[in-house]
């Protein structure tokens, strides 16, 4: 390694976040459980990691469509039809399947148009700075997804005034928009379903405030796409009934189990984003075979079968939530497929995740900075293809966990929320 390269690495290691995470990686090498390598997938949500077979409760393929034979067959057809790569930026050319997927997405979602990006992160990092610039006002929910915050940083560097407001609080939003003062254009950026808590934002109340101040609502609905609302159309249509004042960002991975992200918007905004959004112009597009798979998923979501798939998912969420309640655990969420069990201390959170793993259940041990300091959680994600037996086994392991690791009760969570 050259001296300049060594200095670069040493400089990165001085970062407080790197030092914090490196400390826990060295202190708990077996419990940290990040950067796992999955060697094999079995039926349902079984997987093999490091020679151990565990039930995966960390998958965000909420509807189980990653294992659906129709989606797999569509992907295979796409490879035969289009090869493996688009071959150019979409600013120059798109395969027919891309145009068809965007048109079908818009029809399913109920928007005038849709624009597909390579991922939700690249959607937010590219769309937000394209929409907001000099003399504009952008107000973020304090708990908005990291990619929304990163997009806001770029918009701020380009001259937008960027403010935040307390999570899901319409009064705080009203105050922030008043403080912001006059603007050329204003936008309020929020999550539809929060990624760590599974909580649903009060979009109707937030939109009312936004309209009062002449602001557009921008909703990152990555965790609501496919799982919430009629036919899985997400939080915006469910809460507002239309998209008159809302731009929605959705995920084509997660519940779709495919690849990419999208913006649902007007035809005019779509054309403007194609001209101004850097990650659309300069980012590599979704590989064409996945576009065929997206079309197959849309067929399922638009069919009567979706109701039975979603019913299984909802039943699994209820079964997990009820079991956690019986155990007296402090749980964030409980109505959506993300249920986070509060542990608190970072070391305890990592130890709790390892405890469950050793008993055959994988959940995500989430610590600072993804959640506030000393507010570590076990992030459990319910899928439609989890069996009752698997869920009951996880609940049994959580019950045993209480004897091994200090687990706070609901009263601790209530105090945290009040604070």
Protein backbone atom coordinates (compact mmCIF):
# COMPACT_ATOMS: atom_id res chain seq x y z
CA UNK A 1 0.00 0.00 0.00
CA UNK A 2 1.40 3.41 -0.95
CA UNK A 3 1.92 6.12 1.67
CA UNK A 4 -0.96 8.26 0.32
CA UNK A 5 -3.26 5.22 0.39
CA UNK A 6 -2.15 4.44 3.96
CA UNK A 7 -2.86 8.02 5.02
CA UNK A 8 -6.29 7.83 3.44
CA UNK A 9 -7.17 4.62 5.33
CA UNK A 10 -5.78 6.04 8.59
CA UNK A 11 -7.81 9.19 8.13
CA UNK A 12 -11.01 7.19 7.60
CA UNK A 13 -10.30 5.23 10.78
CA UNK A 14 -10.38 8.50 12.75
CA UNK A 15 -14.08 8.88 11.95
CA UNK A 16 -16.16 8.61 15.13
CA UNK A 17 -18.63 6.24 13.43
CA UNK A 18 -15.85 3.95 12.15
CA UNK A 19 -14.18 3.89 15.58
CA UNK A 20 -17.52 3.11 17.26
CA UNK A 21 -18.41 0.25 14.90
CA UNK A 22 -14.86 -1.10 14.80
CA UNK A 23 -14.85 -1.17 18.61
CA UNK A 24 -17.90 -3.46 18.70
CA UNK A 25 -16.65 -5.60 15.82
CA UNK A 26 -13.47 -6.33 17.76
CA UNK A 27 -15.15 -6.61 21.17
CA UNK A 28 -17.86 -8.99 19.93
CA UNK A 29 -16.44 -10.75 16.84
CA UNK A 30 -19.00 -13.57 17.02
CA UNK A 31 -21.97 -11.43 17.99
CA UNK A 32 -21.59 -8.53 15.56
CA UNK A 33 -23.28 -10.56 12.78
CA UNK A 34 -22.81 -8.08 9.96
CA UNK A 35 -21.59 -8.87 6.46
CA UNK A 36 -22.94 -12.42 6.66
CA UNK A 37 -22.46 -14.80 3.72
CA UNK A 38 -25.46 -17.00 2.91
CA UNK A 39 -24.29 -20.30 1.47
CA UNK A 40 -27.62 -21.85 0.56
CA UNK A 41 -31.35 -21.13 0.58
CA UNK A 42 -33.86 -23.78 1.53
CA UNK A 43 -37.65 -23.87 1.35
CA UNK A 44 -39.65 -21.13 3.00
CA UNK A 45 -37.16 -18.85 4.71
CA UNK A 46 -34.53 -21.42 5.70
CA UNK A 47 -30.95 -20.47 4.90
CA UNK A 48 -27.48 -21.82 5.59
CA UNK A 49 -24.89 -19.46 7.09
CA UNK A 50 -21.47 -20.64 8.21
CA UNK A 51 -22.60 -24.27 8.31
CA UNK A 52 -25.68 -23.49 10.42
CA UNK A 53 -29.25 -23.71 9.11
CA UNK A 54 -31.38 -20.89 10.44
CA UNK A 55 -34.85 -19.49 9.79
CA UNK A 56 -34.51 -16.05 8.22
CA UNK A 57 -36.58 -13.32 9.87
CA UNK A 58 -34.38 -10.63 8.32
CA UNK A 59 -35.69 -10.76 4.75
CA UNK A 60 -37.58 -7.81 3.27
CA UNK A 61 -39.08 -9.95 0.48
CA UNK A 62 -42.31 -9.48 2.41
CA UNK A 63 -44.66 -11.25 -0.03
CA UNK A 64 -42.31 -14.18 -0.66
CA UNK A 65 -42.23 -13.46 -4.40
CA UNK A 66 -38.47 -14.00 -4.63
CA UNK A 67 -39.30 -17.73 -4.60
CA UNK A 68 -42.38 -17.52 -6.86
CA UNK A 69 -41.94 -19.70 -9.96
CA UNK A 70 -43.70 -17.16 -12.22
CA UNK A 71 -41.32 -14.38 -11.23
CA UNK A 72 -38.29 -16.65 -11.70
CA UNK A 73 -39.59 -17.77 -15.12
CA UNK A 74 -40.12 -14.15 -16.20
CA UNK A 75 -36.54 -13.34 -15.21
CA UNK A 76 -35.30 -16.28 -17.30
CA UNK A 77 -37.39 -15.13 -20.29
CA UNK A 78 -35.90 -11.68 -19.90
CA UNK A 79 -32.36 -13.03 -20.11
CA UNK A 80 -33.21 -14.85 -23.35
CA UNK A 81 -34.99 -11.83 -24.82
CA UNK A 82 -32.68 -8.99 -23.78
CA UNK A 83 -29.42 -10.47 -22.52
CA UNK A 84 -28.01 -9.28 -19.22
CA UNK A 85 -27.51 -5.54 -19.67
CA UNK A 86 -29.20 -2.46 -21.15
CA UNK A 87 -25.94 -1.46 -22.84
CA UNK A 88 -26.33 2.29 -22.34
CA UNK A 89 -27.60 5.00 -20.04
CA UNK A 90 -31.36 5.35 -20.28
CA UNK A 91 -30.74 8.91 -21.44
CA UNK A 92 -29.86 7.26 -24.77
CA UNK A 93 -32.00 4.13 -24.95
CA UNK A 94 -34.27 1.78 -22.99
CA UNK A 95 -35.49 -1.68 -23.87
CA UNK A 96 -39.21 -2.03 -24.62
CA UNK A 97 -39.68 -3.89 -21.33
CA UNK A 98 -38.64 -0.73 -19.47
CA UNK A 99 -41.31 1.40 -21.14
CA UNK A 100 -43.90 -1.33 -20.51
CA UNK A 101 -42.90 -1.69 -16.85
CA UNK A 102 -43.19 2.06 -16.26
CA UNK A 103 -46.60 2.22 -17.93
CA UNK A 104 -47.85 -0.79 -15.96
CA UNK A 105 -46.44 0.62 -12.70
CA UNK A 106 -48.30 3.88 -13.24
CA UNK A 107 -51.59 2.06 -14.00
CA UNK A 108 -51.23 -0.14 -10.92
CA UNK A 109 -50.20 2.72 -8.67
CA UNK A 110 -52.81 5.17 -9.99
CA UNK A 111 -50.34 7.89 -11.00
CA UNK A 112 -50.13 9.51 -14.40
CA UNK A 113 -46.56 8.28 -14.96
CA UNK A 114 -43.71 6.37 -13.35
CA UNK A 115 -39.94 6.55 -13.76
CA UNK A 116 -37.72 3.57 -12.85
CA UNK A 117 -34.32 4.07 -11.19
CA UNK A 118 -31.64 1.47 -10.33
CA UNK A 119 -32.57 1.54 -6.60
CA UNK A 120 -34.59 3.50 -4.05
CA UNK A 121 -31.37 5.03 -2.69
CA UNK A 122 -30.40 6.28 -6.15
CA UNK A 123 -33.97 7.50 -6.64
CA UNK A 124 -33.82 9.70 -3.55
CA UNK A 125 -30.25 10.84 -4.10
CA UNK A 126 -31.09 11.80 -7.68
CA UNK A 127 -34.70 12.98 -7.55
CA UNK A 128 -34.56 15.24 -4.48
CA UNK A 129 -31.72 17.48 -5.79
CA UNK A 130 -33.44 17.53 -9.20
CA UNK A 131 -36.65 18.82 -7.59
CA UNK A 132 -35.11 21.22 -5.05
CA UNK A 133 -32.37 23.81 -5.62
CA UNK A 134 -31.49 27.46 -5.12
CA UNK A 135 -34.19 29.54 -3.39
CA UNK A 136 -36.28 26.43 -2.64
CA UNK A 137 -37.24 25.10 0.79
CA UNK A 138 -36.95 21.40 1.66
CA UNK A 139 -38.26 20.18 5.04
CA UNK A 140 -37.41 16.63 6.17
CA UNK A 141 -38.89 14.38 8.79
CA UNK A 142 -36.11 13.92 11.36
CA UNK A 143 -36.39 10.13 10.97
CA UNK A 144 -36.49 10.10 7.16
CA UNK A 145 -34.47 7.33 5.52
CA UNK A 146 -30.73 7.89 5.14
CA UNK A 147 -31.07 8.15 1.35
CA UNK A 148 -33.60 10.98 1.73
CA UNK A 149 -31.18 12.77 4.03
CA UNK A 150 -28.31 12.26 1.59
CA UNK A 151 -30.41 13.63 -1.26
CA UNK A 152 -31.26 16.62 0.93
CA UNK A 153 -27.55 17.28 1.57
CA UNK A 154 -26.96 17.55 -2.18
CA UNK A 155 -30.00 19.80 -2.59
CA UNK A 156 -28.66 21.96 0.25
CA UNK A 157 -25.24 22.17 -1.38
CA UNK A 158 -27.03 23.34 -4.54
CA UNK A 159 -28.65 26.19 -2.65
CA UNK A 160 -31.89 24.83 -1.19
CA UNK A 161 -32.76 25.78 2.38
CA UNK A 162 -33.03 22.47 4.29
CA UNK A 163 -34.82 22.11 7.64
CA UNK A 164 -36.08 19.17 9.72
CA UNK A 165 -39.13 18.60 11.88
CA UNK A 166 -39.90 16.17 14.71
CA UNK A 167 -40.94 12.74 13.47
CA UNK A 168 -44.53 12.55 12.19
CA UNK A 169 -45.48 15.76 14.01
CA UNK A 170 -47.77 18.07 11.95
CA UNK A 171 -47.41 20.89 14.50
CA UNK A 172 -43.60 20.74 14.21
CA UNK A 173 -43.91 20.67 10.42
CA UNK A 174 -46.11 23.77 10.48
CA UNK A 175 -43.54 25.53 12.67
CA UNK A 176 -40.64 24.56 10.36
CA UNK A 177 -42.44 25.80 7.26
CA UNK A 178 -43.26 29.10 8.99
CA UNK A 179 -39.61 29.51 10.03
CA UNK A 180 -38.43 28.74 6.50
CA UNK A 181 -40.08 31.86 5.11
CA UNK A 182 -40.93 32.52 1.46
CA UNK A 183 -39.52 30.22 -1.21
CA UNK A 184 -39.61 29.71 -4.93
CA UNK A 185 -40.89 26.17 -4.31
CA UNK A 186 -41.26 24.04 -1.16
CA UNK A 187 -41.30 20.29 -0.53
CA UNK A 188 -41.84 18.13 2.56
CA UNK A 189 -39.98 14.79 2.46
CA UNK A 190 -41.15 11.92 4.69
CA UNK A 191 -41.19 8.13 4.93
CA UNK A 192 -44.52 6.41 4.37
CA UNK A 193 -43.50 3.47 6.59
CA UNK A 194 -40.43 3.99 8.77
CA UNK A 195 -37.78 1.39 8.08
CA UNK A 196 -36.71 0.73 11.67
CA UNK A 197 -39.99 0.98 13.56
CA UNK A 198 -42.59 -0.07 10.99
CA UNK A 199 -44.65 2.98 12.04
CA UNK A 200 -46.90 4.57 9.40
CA UNK A 201 -46.62 8.33 8.92
CA UNK A 202 -49.79 10.46 9.36
CA UNK A 203 -49.75 11.52 5.71
CA UNK A 204 -53.19 13.14 5.66
CA UNK A 205 -52.30 15.51 8.51
CA UNK A 206 -48.84 16.24 7.06
CA UNK A 207 -50.29 16.91 3.62
CA UNK A 208 -52.83 19.32 5.08
CA UNK A 209 -50.00 21.34 6.61
CA UNK A 210 -47.95 21.15 3.41
CA UNK A 211 -50.85 22.45 1.32
CA UNK A 212 -51.45 25.29 3.74
CA UNK A 213 -47.88 26.45 3.12
CA UNK A 214 -47.84 25.75 -0.62
CA UNK A 215 -45.53 22.73 -0.30
CA UNK A 216 -45.51 19.41 -2.18
CA UNK A 217 -45.39 16.14 -0.22
CA UNK A 218 -42.57 13.75 -1.21
CA UNK A 219 -43.09 10.26 0.25
CA UNK A 220 -40.44 7.53 0.34
CA UNK A 221 -42.80 4.55 0.46
CA UNK A 222 -40.19 1.83 -0.05
CA UNK A 223 -41.48 -0.17 2.93
CA UNK A 224 -45.16 0.35 2.10
CA UNK A 225 -44.93 -0.65 -1.58
CA UNK A 226 -46.70 -3.97 -2.09
CA UNK A 227 -47.68 -4.42 1.56
CA UNK A 228 -50.08 -1.61 2.45
CA UNK A 229 -53.31 -0.35 0.90
CA UNK A 230 -55.52 -1.69 -1.87
CA UNK A 231 -53.52 -4.05 -4.13
CA UNK A 232 -50.40 -3.03 -2.20
CA UNK A 233 -50.36 0.47 -3.72
CA UNK A 234 -48.90 1.91 -0.52
CA UNK A 235 -49.47 4.67 1.98
CA UNK A 236 -50.18 7.68 -0.25
CA UNK A 237 -53.30 6.45 -2.02
CA UNK A 238 -54.48 4.83 1.21
CA UNK A 239 -54.14 8.06 3.21
CA UNK A 240 -54.84 10.78 0.64
CA UNK A 241 -57.01 9.08 -1.99
CA UNK A 242 -55.06 10.73 -4.83
CA UNK A 243 -51.65 12.06 -5.85
CA UNK A 244 -52.70 15.66 -6.47
CA UNK A 245 -50.07 17.01 -4.08
CA UNK A 246 -47.81 13.98 -3.61
CA UNK A 247 -44.78 12.48 -5.30
CA UNK A 248 -44.28 8.86 -4.27
CA UNK A 249 -41.10 6.80 -4.32
CA UNK A 250 -41.50 3.03 -4.25
CA UNK A 251 -39.31 -0.05 -4.13
CA UNK A 252 -39.01 -2.73 -6.79
CA UNK A 253 -36.97 -4.92 -4.44
CA UNK A 254 -38.47 -5.60 -0.98
CA UNK A 255 -42.10 -6.72 -1.54
CA UNK A 256 -41.59 -6.78 -5.33
CA UNK A 257 -38.51 -9.00 -4.82
CA UNK A 258 -36.97 -7.71 -8.05
CA UNK A 259 -34.57 -4.80 -8.61
CA UNK A 260 -34.81 -1.02 -8.54
CA UNK A 261 -36.90 1.89 -7.34
CA UNK A 262 -39.37 4.24 -8.98
CA UNK A 263 -41.00 7.63 -8.80
CA UNK A 264 -44.77 7.86 -9.28
CA UNK A 265 -45.63 11.35 -10.53
CA UNK A 266 -47.20 13.41 -13.30
CA UNK A 267 -46.07 13.02 -16.92
CA UNK A 268 -44.61 16.52 -16.78
CA UNK A 269 -42.51 15.80 -13.69
CA UNK A 270 -41.30 12.55 -15.23
CA UNK A 271 -39.93 14.41 -18.25
CA UNK A 272 -38.30 17.03 -16.01
CA UNK A 273 -36.66 14.34 -13.85
CA UNK A 274 -35.29 12.67 -16.98
CA UNK A 275 -33.60 15.98 -17.82
CA UNK A 276 -32.36 16.91 -14.32
CA UNK A 277 -31.87 13.79 -12.19
CA UNK A 278 -28.20 12.81 -12.22
CA UNK A 279 -28.64 9.23 -11.01
CA UNK A 280 -31.15 8.56 -13.80
CA UNK A 281 -28.92 10.10 -16.48
CA UNK A 282 -25.55 8.81 -15.28
CA UNK A 283 -26.55 5.69 -13.29
CA UNK A 284 -26.62 2.22 -14.79
CA UNK A 285 -30.25 1.13 -15.39
CA UNK A 286 -32.11 -1.86 -13.99
CA UNK A 287 -30.92 -4.96 -15.92
CA UNK A 288 -33.56 -5.82 -18.57
CA UNK A 289 -34.39 -9.32 -17.27
CA UNK A 290 -35.62 -7.80 -14.01
CA UNK A 291 -38.03 -5.59 -15.93
CA UNK A 292 -39.78 -8.73 -17.16
CA UNK A 293 -39.89 -9.96 -13.57
CA UNK A 294 -41.40 -6.63 -12.46
CA UNK A 295 -44.15 -7.09 -15.05
CA UNK A 296 -44.84 -10.58 -13.65
CA UNK A 297 -45.10 -9.19 -10.10
CA UNK A 298 -47.53 -6.51 -11.28
CA UNK A 299 -49.73 -9.25 -12.74
CA UNK A 300 -49.83 -10.89 -9.31
CA UNK A 301 -50.52 -7.64 -7.45
CA UNK A 302 -53.37 -6.80 -9.82
CA UNK A 303 -54.94 -10.25 -9.47
CA UNK A 304 -57.35 -11.70 -6.92
CA UNK A 305 -54.47 -13.85 -5.67
CA UNK A 306 -52.82 -10.81 -4.09
CA UNK A 307 -55.51 -10.70 -1.42
CA UNK A 308 -54.67 -14.23 -0.25
CA UNK A 309 -50.92 -13.53 -0.27
CA UNK A 310 -51.43 -10.33 1.69
CA UNK A 311 -53.80 -12.10 4.09
CA UNK A 312 -51.05 -14.62 4.92
CA UNK A 313 -48.59 -11.79 5.53
CA UNK A 314 -51.06 -9.89 7.73
CA UNK A 315 -51.83 -13.05 9.72
CA UNK A 316 -48.10 -13.61 10.28
CA UNK A 317 -47.64 -10.02 11.45
CA UNK A 318 -50.53 -10.43 13.90
CA UNK A 319 -49.17 -13.75 15.19
CA UNK A 320 -45.72 -12.28 15.81
CA UNK A 321 -47.09 -9.08 17.38
CA UNK A 322 -49.46 -10.98 19.68
CA UNK A 323 -46.67 -13.30 20.81
CA UNK A 324 -44.32 -10.41 21.53
CA UNK A 325 -47.08 -8.70 23.49
CA UNK A 326 -47.63 -11.84 25.59
CA UNK A 327 -43.91 -11.90 26.36
CA UNK A 328 -44.05 -8.31 27.61
CA UNK A 329 -41.50 -7.05 25.10
CA UNK A 330 -41.12 -3.41 24.08
CA UNK A 331 -42.08 -3.47 20.40
CA UNK A 332 -41.96 -0.68 17.85
CA UNK A 333 -44.55 -1.27 15.14
CA UNK A 334 -46.90 -4.20 15.12
CA UNK A 335 -49.21 -3.49 12.19
CA UNK A 336 -46.69 -3.69 9.31
CA UNK A 337 -44.16 -6.43 8.44
CA UNK A 338 -41.38 -4.67 10.39
CA UNK A 339 -41.49 -5.29 14.14
CA UNK A 340 -38.54 -4.02 16.16
CA UNK A 341 -37.93 -5.31 19.68
CA UNK A 342 -36.20 -2.75 21.88
CA UNK A 343 -33.08 -4.00 23.67
CA UNK A 344 -31.24 -0.73 24.34
CA UNK A 345 -27.55 -1.21 25.10
CA UNK A 346 -25.43 -1.88 22.01
CA UNK A 347 -23.59 -4.85 23.50
CA UNK A 348 -26.84 -6.38 24.75
CA UNK A 349 -28.42 -5.92 21.32
CA UNK A 350 -25.60 -7.76 19.58
CA UNK A 351 -25.62 -10.50 22.21
CA UNK A 352 -29.39 -10.89 21.80
CA UNK A 353 -29.08 -11.30 18.05
CA UNK A 354 -26.38 -13.93 18.51
CA UNK A 355 -28.49 -15.75 21.10
CA UNK A 356 -31.37 -16.09 18.63
CA UNK A 357 -29.02 -17.10 15.81
CA UNK A 358 -27.53 -19.90 17.91
CA UNK A 359 -31.07 -21.19 18.44
CA UNK A 360 -31.81 -21.22 14.72
CA UNK A 361 -33.37 -17.80 14.08
CA UNK A 362 -31.80 -14.87 12.27
CA UNK A 363 -33.02 -11.34 12.96
CA UNK A 364 -31.18 -8.07 12.37
CA UNK A 365 -29.35 -6.60 15.38
CA UNK A 366 -29.54 -2.85 14.72
CA UNK A 367 -27.43 -0.42 16.71
CA UNK A 368 -26.30 3.21 16.50
CA UNK A 369 -26.08 5.07 14.10
CA UNK A 370 -28.99 3.33 12.34
CA UNK A 371 -31.01 3.92 15.53
CA UNK A 372 -30.39 6.39 18.41
CA UNK A 373 -27.54 5.64 20.82
CA UNK A 374 -28.51 3.07 23.47
CA UNK A 375 -31.74 2.30 21.59
CA UNK A 376 -30.62 -0.87 19.83
CA UNK A 377 -33.33 -3.14 18.44
CA UNK A 378 -33.87 -6.63 17.10
CA UNK A 379 -35.49 -5.95 13.72
CA UNK A 380 -37.89 -8.77 12.84
CA UNK A 381 -39.35 -8.83 9.34
CA UNK A 382 -42.43 -10.94 8.68
CA UNK A 383 -42.89 -12.64 5.32
CA UNK A 384 -45.96 -14.21 3.75
CA UNK A 385 -44.12 -17.55 3.46
CA UNK A 386 -43.15 -17.84 7.13
CA UNK A 387 -44.94 -20.82 8.66
CA UNK A 388 -46.77 -20.83 11.99
CA UNK A 389 -44.17 -23.31 13.21
CA UNK A 390 -41.31 -20.94 12.34
CA UNK A 391 -43.04 -18.00 14.04
CA UNK A 392 -43.79 -19.97 17.19
CA UNK A 393 -40.18 -21.14 17.26
CA UNK A 394 -38.94 -17.55 17.07
CA UNK A 395 -41.29 -16.54 19.88
CA UNK A 396 -40.00 -19.42 21.98
CA UNK A 397 -36.43 -18.28 21.38
CA UNK A 398 -37.40 -14.71 22.34
CA UNK A 399 -38.92 -16.03 25.56
CA UNK A 400 -35.66 -17.83 26.39
CA UNK A 401 -33.73 -14.68 25.49
CA UNK A 402 -35.38 -12.83 28.39
CA UNK A 403 -33.51 -15.05 30.84
CA UNK A 404 -30.15 -14.40 29.17
CA UNK A 405 -30.21 -10.71 28.21
CA UNK A 406 -31.89 -7.80 30.04
CA UNK A 407 -34.96 -6.94 27.96
CA UNK A 408 -36.90 -3.72 28.64
CA UNK A 409 -40.68 -3.76 28.88
CA UNK A 410 -43.28 -1.56 27.16
CA UNK A 411 -43.00 1.09 29.88
CA UNK A 412 -39.39 1.81 28.82
CA UNK A 413 -40.53 2.27 25.23
CA UNK A 414 -43.28 4.63 26.39
CA UNK A 415 -40.70 6.76 28.22
CA UNK A 416 -38.44 6.86 25.16
CA UNK A 417 -41.28 7.97 22.90
CA UNK A 418 -42.37 10.62 25.42
CA UNK A 419 -38.83 11.95 25.59
